[in-house]
Amino acid sequence: MTDFYKTPFWKRLRTACLKRDRTCTTPGCNQRAVVADHIIPRSKGGADTLENLRGLCIRHHNMRRHGNEPYLKGCNTSGQPADPNHWWNT
């Protein structure tokens, strides 16, 4: 864990994320969100912004940390298909 996660800036950002995402944003999961997860990781240039964060439960956060994305490929972080022509979006 870097010192960044101890800063007042991060603590405010994390609080805002978890206030917005009270339950895990993984489709079908209704567990309480306890982790503010970077959608695009900081290590890959992801921004420290509310738009780049999503609330995850501990189970889905651990899945992501071990290389398993907690949402379907081709879906946004809300679980909606990213393709606007997908039948689900019609």
PDB file of N, CA and C in Angstrom:
ATOM      1  N   MET A   1       0.859  -1.175   0.000  1.00  0.00           N
ATOM      2  CA  MET A   1       0.000   0.000   0.000  1.00  0.00           C
ATOM      3  C   MET A   1       0.900   1.231   0.000  1.00  0.00           C
ATOM      4  N   THR A   2       0.587   2.148  -0.882  1.00  0.00           N
ATOM      5  CA  THR A   2       1.413   3.351  -0.944  1.00  0.00           C
ATOM      6  C   THR A   2       0.893   4.376   0.055  1.00  0.00           C
ATOM      7  N   ASP A   3       1.719   5.374   0.297  1.00  0.00           N
ATOM      8  CA  ASP A   3       1.325   6.448   1.205  1.00  0.00           C
ATOM      9  C   ASP A   3       0.129   7.229   0.677  1.00  0.00           C
ATOM     10  N   PHE A   4      -0.115   7.168  -0.641  1.00  0.00           N
ATOM     11  CA  PHE A   4      -1.247   7.875  -1.227  1.00  0.00           C
ATOM     12  C   PHE A   4      -2.548   7.512  -0.518  1.00  0.00           C
ATOM     13  N   TYR A   5      -2.713   6.237  -0.189  1.00  0.00           N
ATOM     14  CA  TYR A   5      -3.970   5.765   0.407  1.00  0.00           C
ATOM     15  C   TYR A   5      -4.145   6.202   1.863  1.00  0.00           C
ATOM     16  N   LYS A   6      -3.165   6.913   2.392  1.00  0.00           N
ATOM     17  CA  LYS A   6      -3.273   7.465   3.737  1.00  0.00           C
ATOM     18  C   LYS A   6      -3.572   8.965   3.722  1.00  0.00           C
ATOM     19  N   THR A   7      -3.631   9.556   2.529  1.00  0.00           N
ATOM     20  CA  THR A   7      -3.801  11.007   2.423  1.00  0.00           C
ATOM     21  C   THR A   7      -5.252  11.428   2.640  1.00  0.00           C
ATOM     22  N   PRO A   8      -5.452  12.647   3.111  1.00  0.00           N
ATOM     23  CA  PRO A   8      -6.824  13.173   3.253  1.00  0.00           C
ATOM     24  C   PRO A   8      -7.561  13.207   1.909  1.00  0.00           C
ATOM     25  N   PHE A   9      -6.827  13.491   0.805  1.00  0.00           N
ATOM     26  CA  PHE A   9      -7.446  13.506  -0.522  1.00  0.00           C
ATOM     27  C   PHE A   9      -8.072  12.151  -0.830  1.00  0.00           C
ATOM     28  N   TRP A  10      -7.300  11.059  -0.642  1.00  0.00           N
ATOM     29  CA  TRP A  10      -7.819   9.727  -0.926  1.00  0.00           C
ATOM     30  C   TRP A  10      -8.987   9.392  -0.001  1.00  0.00           C
ATOM     31  N   LYS A  11      -8.874   9.719   1.250  1.00  0.00           N
ATOM     32  CA  LYS A  11      -9.952   9.400   2.192  1.00  0.00           C
ATOM     33  C   LYS A  11     -11.252  10.088   1.794  1.00  0.00           C
ATOM     34  N   ARG A  12     -11.179  11.339   1.333  1.00  0.00           N
ATOM     35  CA  ARG A  12     -12.382  12.042   0.862  1.00  0.00           C
ATOM     36  C   ARG A  12     -12.930  11.405  -0.403  1.00  0.00           C
ATOM     37  N   LEU A  13     -12.038  11.047  -1.331  1.00  0.00           N
ATOM     38  CA  LEU A  13     -12.453  10.428  -2.584  1.00  0.00           C
ATOM     39  C   LEU A  13     -13.090   9.067  -2.331  1.00  0.00           C
ATOM     40  N   ARG A  14     -12.488   8.276  -1.460  1.00  0.00           N
ATOM     41  CA  ARG A  14     -13.027   6.963  -1.109  1.00  0.00           C
ATOM     42  C   ARG A  14     -14.411   7.106  -0.481  1.00  0.00           C
ATOM     43  N   THR A  15     -14.554   8.051   0.438  1.00  0.00           N
ATOM     44  CA  THR A  15     -15.841   8.277   1.093  1.00  0.00           C
ATOM     45  C   THR A  15     -16.908   8.653   0.064  1.00  0.00           C
ATOM     46  N   ALA A  16     -16.560   9.525  -0.876  1.00  0.00           N
ATOM     47  CA  ALA A  16     -17.512   9.939  -1.909  1.00  0.00           C
ATOM     48  C   ALA A  16     -17.923   8.753  -2.782  1.00  0.00           C
ATOM     49  N   CYS A  17     -16.972   7.902  -3.126  1.00  0.00           N
ATOM     50  CA  CYS A  17     -17.269   6.720  -3.947  1.00  0.00           C
ATOM     51  C   CYS A  17     -18.222   5.780  -3.221  1.00  0.00           C
ATOM     52  N   LEU A  18     -17.930   5.499  -1.963  1.00  0.00           N
ATOM     53  CA  LEU A  18     -18.751   4.551  -1.214  1.00  0.00           C
ATOM     54  C   LEU A  18     -20.100   5.145  -0.832  1.00  0.00           C
ATOM     55  N   LYS A  19     -20.189   6.450  -0.789  1.00  0.00           N
ATOM     56  CA  LYS A  19     -21.488   7.094  -0.579  1.00  0.00           C
ATOM     57  C   LYS A  19     -22.344   6.953  -1.838  1.00  0.00           C
ATOM     58  N   ARG A  20     -21.705   7.103  -2.988  1.00  0.00           N
ATOM     59  CA  ARG A  20     -22.397   6.955  -4.271  1.00  0.00           C
ATOM     60  C   ARG A  20     -22.766   5.494  -4.532  1.00  0.00           C
ATOM     61  N   ASP A  21     -21.808   4.598  -4.342  1.00  0.00           N
ATOM     62  CA  ASP A  21     -21.997   3.166  -4.613  1.00  0.00           C
ATOM     63  C   ASP A  21     -22.142   2.430  -3.292  1.00  0.00           C
ATOM     64  N   ARG A  22     -23.318   2.429  -2.762  1.00  0.00           N
ATOM     65  CA  ARG A  22     -23.534   1.801  -1.450  1.00  0.00           C
ATOM     66  C   ARG A  22     -23.484   0.273  -1.528  1.00  0.00           C
ATOM     67  N   THR A  23     -23.838  -0.272  -2.691  1.00  0.00           N
ATOM     68  CA  THR A  23     -23.726  -1.723  -2.892  1.00  0.00           C
ATOM     69  C   THR A  23     -22.712  -1.977  -4.000  1.00  0.00           C
ATOM     70  N   CYS A  24     -22.196  -3.176  -4.019  1.00  0.00           N
ATOM     71  CA  CYS A  24     -21.197  -3.588  -5.003  1.00  0.00           C
ATOM     72  C   CYS A  24     -21.735  -3.333  -6.413  1.00  0.00           C
ATOM     73  N   THR A  25     -20.901  -2.763  -7.271  1.00  0.00           N
ATOM     74  CA  THR A  25     -21.321  -2.444  -8.635  1.00  0.00           C
ATOM     75  C   THR A  25     -21.241  -3.635  -9.576  1.00  0.00           C
ATOM     76  N   THR A  26     -20.814  -4.792  -9.090  1.00  0.00           N
ATOM     77  CA  THR A  26     -20.781  -5.988  -9.916  1.00  0.00           C
ATOM     78  C   THR A  26     -22.215  -6.443 -10.165  1.00  0.00           C
ATOM     79  N   PRO A  27     -22.598  -6.656 -11.432  1.00  0.00           N
ATOM     80  CA  PRO A  27     -23.962  -7.076 -11.728  1.00  0.00           C
ATOM     81  C   PRO A  27     -24.370  -8.313 -10.935  1.00  0.00           C
ATOM     82  N   GLY A  28     -25.552  -8.248 -10.333  1.00  0.00           N
ATOM     83  CA  GLY A  28     -26.095  -9.372  -9.583  1.00  0.00           C
ATOM     84  C   GLY A  28     -25.643  -9.445  -8.139  1.00  0.00           C
ATOM     85  N   CYS A  29     -24.703  -8.623  -7.744  1.00  0.00           N
ATOM     86  CA  CYS A  29     -24.216  -8.643  -6.371  1.00  0.00           C
ATOM     87  C   CYS A  29     -24.933  -7.562  -5.575  1.00  0.00           C
ATOM     88  N   ASN A  30     -25.436  -7.926  -4.438  1.00  0.00           N
ATOM     89  CA  ASN A  30     -26.133  -6.967  -3.590  1.00  0.00           C
ATOM     90  C   ASN A  30     -25.415  -6.734  -2.265  1.00  0.00           C
ATOM     91  N   GLN A  31     -24.157  -7.138  -2.207  1.00  0.00           N
ATOM     92  CA  GLN A  31     -23.382  -6.953  -0.984  1.00  0.00           C
ATOM     93  C   GLN A  31     -23.001  -5.482  -0.819  1.00  0.00           C
ATOM     94  N   ARG A  32     -22.753  -5.092   0.398  1.00  0.00           N
ATOM     95  CA  ARG A  32     -22.341  -3.720   0.678  1.00  0.00           C
ATOM     96  C   ARG A  32     -20.968  -3.449   0.059  1.00  0.00           C
ATOM     97  N   ALA A  33     -20.825  -2.314  -0.592  1.00  0.00           N
ATOM     98  CA  ALA A  33     -19.528  -1.906  -1.144  1.00  0.00           C
ATOM     99  C   ALA A  33     -18.645  -1.420  -0.002  1.00  0.00           C
ATOM    100  N   VAL A  34     -17.438  -1.939   0.080  1.00  0.00           N
ATOM    101  CA  VAL A  34     -16.505  -1.550   1.135  1.00  0.00           C
ATOM    102  C   VAL A  34     -15.158  -1.113   0.577  1.00  0.00           C
ATOM    103  N   VAL A  35     -14.958  -1.271  -0.729  1.00  0.00           N
ATOM    104  CA  VAL A  35     -13.696  -0.916  -1.361  1.00  0.00           C
ATOM    105  C   VAL A  35     -13.975   0.055  -2.498  1.00  0.00           C
ATOM    106  N   ALA A  36     -13.243   1.159  -2.536  1.00  0.00           N
ATOM    107  CA  ALA A  36     -13.279   2.083  -3.665  1.00  0.00           C
ATOM    108  C   ALA A  36     -12.188   1.614  -4.629  1.00  0.00           C
ATOM    109  N   ASP A  37     -12.601   1.000  -5.717  1.00  0.00           N
ATOM    110  CA  ASP A  37     -11.687   0.349  -6.652  1.00  0.00           C
ATOM    111  C   ASP A  37     -11.463   1.226  -7.880  1.00  0.00           C
ATOM    112  N   HIS A  38     -10.197   1.396  -8.264  1.00  0.00           N
ATOM    113  CA  HIS A  38      -9.877   2.111  -9.500  1.00  0.00           C
ATOM    114  C   HIS A  38     -10.273   1.229 -10.690  1.00  0.00           C
ATOM    115  N   ILE A  39     -11.116   1.735 -11.570  1.00  0.00           N
ATOM    116  CA  ILE A  39     -11.516   0.993 -12.766  1.00  0.00           C
ATOM    117  C   ILE A  39     -10.289   0.782 -13.651  1.00  0.00           C
ATOM    118  N   ILE A  40      -9.607   1.858 -13.965  1.00  0.00           N
ATOM    119  CA  ILE A  40      -8.298   1.767 -14.620  1.00  0.00           C
ATOM    120  C   ILE A  40      -7.286   1.945 -13.494  1.00  0.00           C
ATOM    121  N   PRO A  41      -6.526   0.912 -13.188  1.00  0.00           N
ATOM    122  CA  PRO A  41      -5.614   0.972 -12.046  1.00  0.00           C
ATOM    123  C   PRO A  41      -4.631   2.138 -12.125  1.00  0.00           C
ATOM    124  N   ARG A  42      -4.273   2.646 -10.973  1.00  0.00           N
ATOM    125  CA  ARG A  42      -3.272   3.715 -10.890  1.00  0.00           C
ATOM    126  C   ARG A  42      -1.975   3.279 -11.568  1.00  0.00           C
ATOM    127  N   SER A  43      -1.620   2.010 -11.427  1.00  0.00           N
ATOM    128  CA  SER A  43      -0.374   1.505 -12.008  1.00  0.00           C
ATOM    129  C   SER A  43      -0.389   1.541 -13.536  1.00  0.00           C
ATOM    130  N   LYS A  44      -1.584   1.656 -14.128  1.00  0.00           N
ATOM    131  CA  LYS A  44      -1.706   1.718 -15.584  1.00  0.00           C
ATOM    132  C   LYS A  44      -2.150   3.107 -16.034  1.00  0.00           C
ATOM    133  N   GLY A  45      -1.933   4.103 -15.167  1.00  0.00           N
ATOM    134  CA  GLY A  45      -2.234   5.473 -15.541  1.00  0.00           C
ATOM    135  C   GLY A  45      -3.641   5.935 -15.199  1.00  0.00           C
ATOM    136  N   GLY A  46      -4.375   5.137 -14.456  1.00  0.00           N
ATOM    137  CA  GLY A  46      -5.736   5.504 -14.079  1.00  0.00           C
ATOM    138  C   GLY A  46      -5.764   6.723 -13.169  1.00  0.00           C
ATOM    139  N   ALA A  47      -6.754   7.561 -13.383  1.00  0.00           N
ATOM    140  CA  ALA A  47      -6.873   8.811 -12.632  1.00  0.00           C
ATOM    141  C   ALA A  47      -7.454   8.582 -11.238  1.00  0.00           C
ATOM    142  N   ASP A  48      -7.088   9.470 -10.350  1.00  0.00           N
ATOM    143  CA  ASP A  48      -7.663   9.465  -9.005  1.00  0.00           C
ATOM    144  C   ASP A  48      -8.862  10.409  -9.019  1.00  0.00           C
ATOM    145  N   THR A  49      -9.915   9.958  -9.701  1.00  0.00           N
ATOM    146  CA  THR A  49     -11.143  10.733  -9.822  1.00  0.00           C
ATOM    147  C   THR A  49     -12.329   9.846  -9.482  1.00  0.00           C
ATOM    148  N   LEU A  50     -13.420  10.463  -9.122  1.00  0.00           N
ATOM    149  CA  LEU A  50     -14.625   9.709  -8.801  1.00  0.00           C
ATOM    150  C   LEU A  50     -15.119   8.919 -10.017  1.00  0.00           C
ATOM    151  N   GLU A  51     -14.904   9.465 -11.212  1.00  0.00           N
ATOM    152  CA  GLU A  51     -15.334   8.779 -12.442  1.00  0.00           C
ATOM    153  C   GLU A  51     -14.537   7.507 -12.698  1.00  0.00           C
ATOM    154  N   ASN A  52     -13.347   7.403 -12.117  1.00  0.00           N
ATOM    155  CA  ASN A  52     -12.519   6.208 -12.305  1.00  0.00           C
ATOM    156  C   ASN A  52     -12.602   5.267 -11.105  1.00  0.00           C
ATOM    157  N   LEU A  53     -13.565   5.478 -10.244  1.00  0.00           N
ATOM    158  CA  LEU A  53     -13.742   4.603  -9.081  1.00  0.00           C
ATOM    159  C   LEU A  53     -15.095   3.927  -9.126  1.00  0.00           C
ATOM    160  N   ARG A  54     -15.147   2.752  -8.536  1.00  0.00           N
ATOM    161  CA  ARG A  54     -16.407   2.033  -8.361  1.00  0.00           C
ATOM    162  C   ARG A  54     -16.359   1.333  -7.021  1.00  0.00           C
ATOM    163  N   GLY A  55     -17.494   1.198  -6.404  1.00  0.00           N
ATOM    164  CA  GLY A  55     -17.575   0.486  -5.132  1.00  0.00           C
ATOM    165  C   GLY A  55     -17.684  -1.004  -5.371  1.00  0.00           C
ATOM    166  N   LEU A  56     -16.877  -1.762  -4.664  1.00  0.00           N
ATOM    167  CA  LEU A  56     -16.923  -3.222  -4.759  1.00  0.00           C
ATOM    168  C   LEU A  56     -17.018  -3.828  -3.362  1.00  0.00           C
ATOM    169  N   CYS A  57     -17.649  -4.990  -3.292  1.00  0.00           N
ATOM    170  CA  CYS A  57     -17.618  -5.763  -2.043  1.00  0.00           C
ATOM    171  C   CYS A  57     -16.229  -6.398  -1.953  1.00  0.00           C
ATOM    172  N   ILE A  58     -15.895  -6.918  -0.820  1.00  0.00           N
ATOM    173  CA  ILE A  58     -14.557  -7.482  -0.627  1.00  0.00           C
ATOM    174  C   ILE A  58     -14.319  -8.688  -1.538  1.00  0.00           C
ATOM    175  N   ARG A  59     -15.354  -9.497  -1.754  1.00  0.00           N
ATOM    176  CA  ARG A  59     -15.207 -10.686  -2.610  1.00  0.00           C
ATOM    177  C   ARG A  59     -14.828 -10.293  -4.037  1.00  0.00           C
ATOM    178  N   HIS A  60     -15.570  -9.336  -4.605  1.00  0.00           N
ATOM    179  CA  HIS A  60     -15.290  -8.957  -5.985  1.00  0.00           C
ATOM    180  C   HIS A  60     -14.001  -8.144  -6.099  1.00  0.00           C
ATOM    181  N   HIS A  61     -13.646  -7.418  -5.074  1.00  0.00           N
ATOM    182  CA  HIS A  61     -12.354  -6.728  -5.093  1.00  0.00           C
ATOM    183  C   HIS A  61     -11.220  -7.747  -5.088  1.00  0.00           C
ATOM    184  N   ASN A  62     -11.336  -8.779  -4.271  1.00  0.00           N
ATOM    185  CA  ASN A  62     -10.297  -9.811  -4.240  1.00  0.00           C
ATOM    186  C   ASN A  62     -10.217 -10.559  -5.558  1.00  0.00           C
ATOM    187  N   MET A  63     -11.363 -10.787  -6.209  1.00  0.00           N
ATOM    188  CA  MET A  63     -11.345 -11.423  -7.526  1.00  0.00           C
ATOM    189  C   MET A  63     -10.528 -10.581  -8.504  1.00  0.00           C
ATOM    190  N   ARG A  64     -10.760  -9.292  -8.476  1.00  0.00           N
ATOM    191  CA  ARG A  64     -10.048  -8.400  -9.387  1.00  0.00           C
ATOM    192  C   ARG A  64      -8.555  -8.396  -9.089  1.00  0.00           C
ATOM    193  N   ARG A  65      -8.201  -8.366  -7.825  1.00  0.00           N
ATOM    194  CA  ARG A  65      -6.786  -8.360  -7.451  1.00  0.00           C
ATOM    195  C   ARG A  65      -6.069  -9.607  -7.934  1.00  0.00           C
ATOM    196  N   HIS A  66      -6.820 -10.702  -8.101  1.00  0.00           N
ATOM    197  CA  HIS A  66      -6.215 -11.960  -8.536  1.00  0.00           C
ATOM    198  C   HIS A  66      -6.401 -12.208 -10.029  1.00  0.00           C
ATOM    199  N   GLY A  67      -6.758 -11.125 -10.765  1.00  0.00           N
ATOM    200  CA  GLY A  67      -6.810 -11.227 -12.224  1.00  0.00           C
ATOM    201  C   GLY A  67      -8.146 -11.581 -12.821  1.00  0.00           C
ATOM    202  N   ASN A  68      -9.184 -11.678 -12.021  1.00  0.00           N
ATOM    203  CA  ASN A  68     -10.511 -12.000 -12.554  1.00  0.00           C
ATOM    204  C   ASN A  68     -11.395 -10.770 -12.448  1.00  0.00           C
ATOM    205  N   GLU A  69     -11.732 -10.167 -13.589  1.00  0.00           N
ATOM    206  CA  GLU A  69     -12.594  -8.992 -13.569  1.00  0.00           C
ATOM    207  C   GLU A  69     -13.965  -9.382 -13.029  1.00  0.00           C
ATOM    208  N   PRO A  70     -14.498  -8.590 -12.100  1.00  0.00           N
ATOM    209  CA  PRO A  70     -15.789  -8.929 -11.499  1.00  0.00           C
ATOM    210  C   PRO A  70     -16.989  -8.486 -12.318  1.00  0.00           C
ATOM    211  N   TYR A  71     -16.785  -8.182 -13.578  1.00  0.00           N
ATOM    212  CA  TYR A  71     -17.908  -7.877 -14.449  1.00  0.00           C
ATOM    213  C   TYR A  71     -17.625  -8.500 -15.804  1.00  0.00           C
ATOM    214  N   LEU A  72     -18.648  -8.682 -16.576  1.00  0.00           N
ATOM    215  CA  LEU A  72     -18.509  -9.343 -17.858  1.00  0.00           C
ATOM    216  C   LEU A  72     -17.708  -8.496 -18.833  1.00  0.00           C
ATOM    217  N   LYS A  73     -16.898  -9.135 -19.651  1.00  0.00           N
ATOM    218  CA  LYS A  73     -16.171  -8.415 -20.690  1.00  0.00           C
ATOM    219  C   LYS A  73     -17.196  -7.798 -21.638  1.00  0.00           C
ATOM    220  N   GLY A  74     -16.897  -6.607 -22.087  1.00  0.00           N
ATOM    221  CA  GLY A  74     -17.810  -5.935 -22.988  1.00  0.00           C
ATOM    222  C   GLY A  74     -18.904  -5.163 -22.280  1.00  0.00           C
ATOM    223  N   CYS A  75     -18.817  -5.109 -20.962  1.00  0.00           N
ATOM    224  CA  CYS A  75     -19.798  -4.370 -20.179  1.00  0.00           C
ATOM    225  C   CYS A  75     -19.110  -3.219 -19.468  1.00  0.00           C
ATOM    226  N   ASN A  76     -19.880  -2.188 -19.183  1.00  0.00           N
ATOM    227  CA  ASN A  76     -19.334  -1.099 -18.403  1.00  0.00           C
ATOM    228  C   ASN A  76     -19.374  -1.484 -16.927  1.00  0.00           C
ATOM    229  N   THR A  77     -18.975  -0.591 -16.072  1.00  0.00           N
ATOM    230  CA  THR A  77     -18.899  -0.929 -14.652  1.00  0.00           C
ATOM    231  C   THR A  77     -20.265  -1.108 -14.004  1.00  0.00           C
ATOM    232  N   SER A  78     -21.325  -0.685 -14.697  1.00  0.00           N
ATOM    233  CA  SER A  78     -22.680  -0.904 -14.186  1.00  0.00           C
ATOM    234  C   SER A  78     -23.244  -2.231 -14.657  1.00  0.00           C
ATOM    235  N   GLY A  79     -22.508  -2.934 -15.515  1.00  0.00           N
ATOM    236  CA  GLY A  79     -22.964  -4.218 -16.022  1.00  0.00           C
ATOM    237  C   GLY A  79     -23.763  -4.113 -17.299  1.00  0.00           C
ATOM    238  N   GLN A  80     -23.928  -2.915 -17.833  1.00  0.00           N
ATOM    239  CA  GLN A  80     -24.648  -2.730 -19.088  1.00  0.00           C
ATOM    240  C   GLN A  80     -23.700  -3.020 -20.247  1.00  0.00           C
ATOM    241  N   PRO A  81     -24.199  -3.674 -21.319  1.00  0.00           N
ATOM    242  CA  PRO A  81     -23.338  -3.905 -22.477  1.00  0.00           C
ATOM    243  C   PRO A  81     -22.805  -2.583 -23.032  1.00  0.00           C
ATOM    244  N   ALA A  82     -21.519  -2.554 -23.330  1.00  0.00           N
ATOM    245  CA  ALA A  82     -20.890  -1.350 -23.853  1.00  0.00           C
ATOM    246  C   ALA A  82     -21.328  -1.067 -25.287  1.00  0.00           C
ATOM    247  N   ASP A  83     -21.706  -2.099 -26.023  1.00  0.00           N
ATOM    248  CA  ASP A  83     -22.156  -1.940 -27.409  1.00  0.00           C
ATOM    249  C   ASP A  83     -23.581  -1.389 -27.423  1.00  0.00           C
ATOM    250  N   PRO A  84     -23.792  -0.188 -27.977  1.00  0.00           N
ATOM    251  CA  PRO A  84     -25.137   0.391 -27.984  1.00  0.00           C
ATOM    252  C   PRO A  84     -26.121  -0.408 -28.812  1.00  0.00           C
ATOM    253  N   ASN A  85     -25.630  -1.288 -29.706  1.00  0.00           N
ATOM    254  CA  ASN A  85     -26.522  -2.108 -30.534  1.00  0.00           C
ATOM    255  C   ASN A  85     -26.858  -3.449 -29.902  1.00  0.00           C
ATOM    256  N   HIS A  86     -26.318  -3.730 -28.731  1.00  0.00           N
ATOM    257  CA  HIS A  86     -26.616  -4.979 -28.042  1.00  0.00           C
ATOM    258  C   HIS A  86     -28.117  -5.034 -27.729  1.00  0.00           C
ATOM    259  N   TRP A  87     -28.723  -6.212 -27.853  1.00  0.00           N
ATOM    260  CA  TRP A  87     -30.174  -6.335 -27.669  1.00  0.00           C
ATOM    261  C   TRP A  87     -30.633  -5.829 -26.300  1.00  0.00           C
ATOM    262  N   TRP A  88     -29.773  -5.904 -25.299  1.00  0.00           N
ATOM    263  CA  TRP A  88     -30.150  -5.474 -23.966  1.00  0.00           C
ATOM    264  C   TRP A  88     -30.350  -3.947 -23.908  1.00  0.00           C
ATOM    265  N   ASN A  89     -29.676  -3.236 -24.802  1.00  0.00           N
ATOM    266  CA  ASN A  89     -29.770  -1.776 -24.823  1.00  0.00           C
ATOM    267  C   ASN A  89     -30.918  -1.265 -25.697  1.00  0.00           C
ATOM    268  N   THR A  90     -31.686  -2.166 -26.287  1.00  0.00           N
ATOM    269  CA  THR A  90     -32.802  -1.727 -27.140  1.00  0.00           C
ATOM    270  C   THR A  90     -34.118  -1.800 -26.418  1.00  0.00           C
TER     271      THR A  90
END
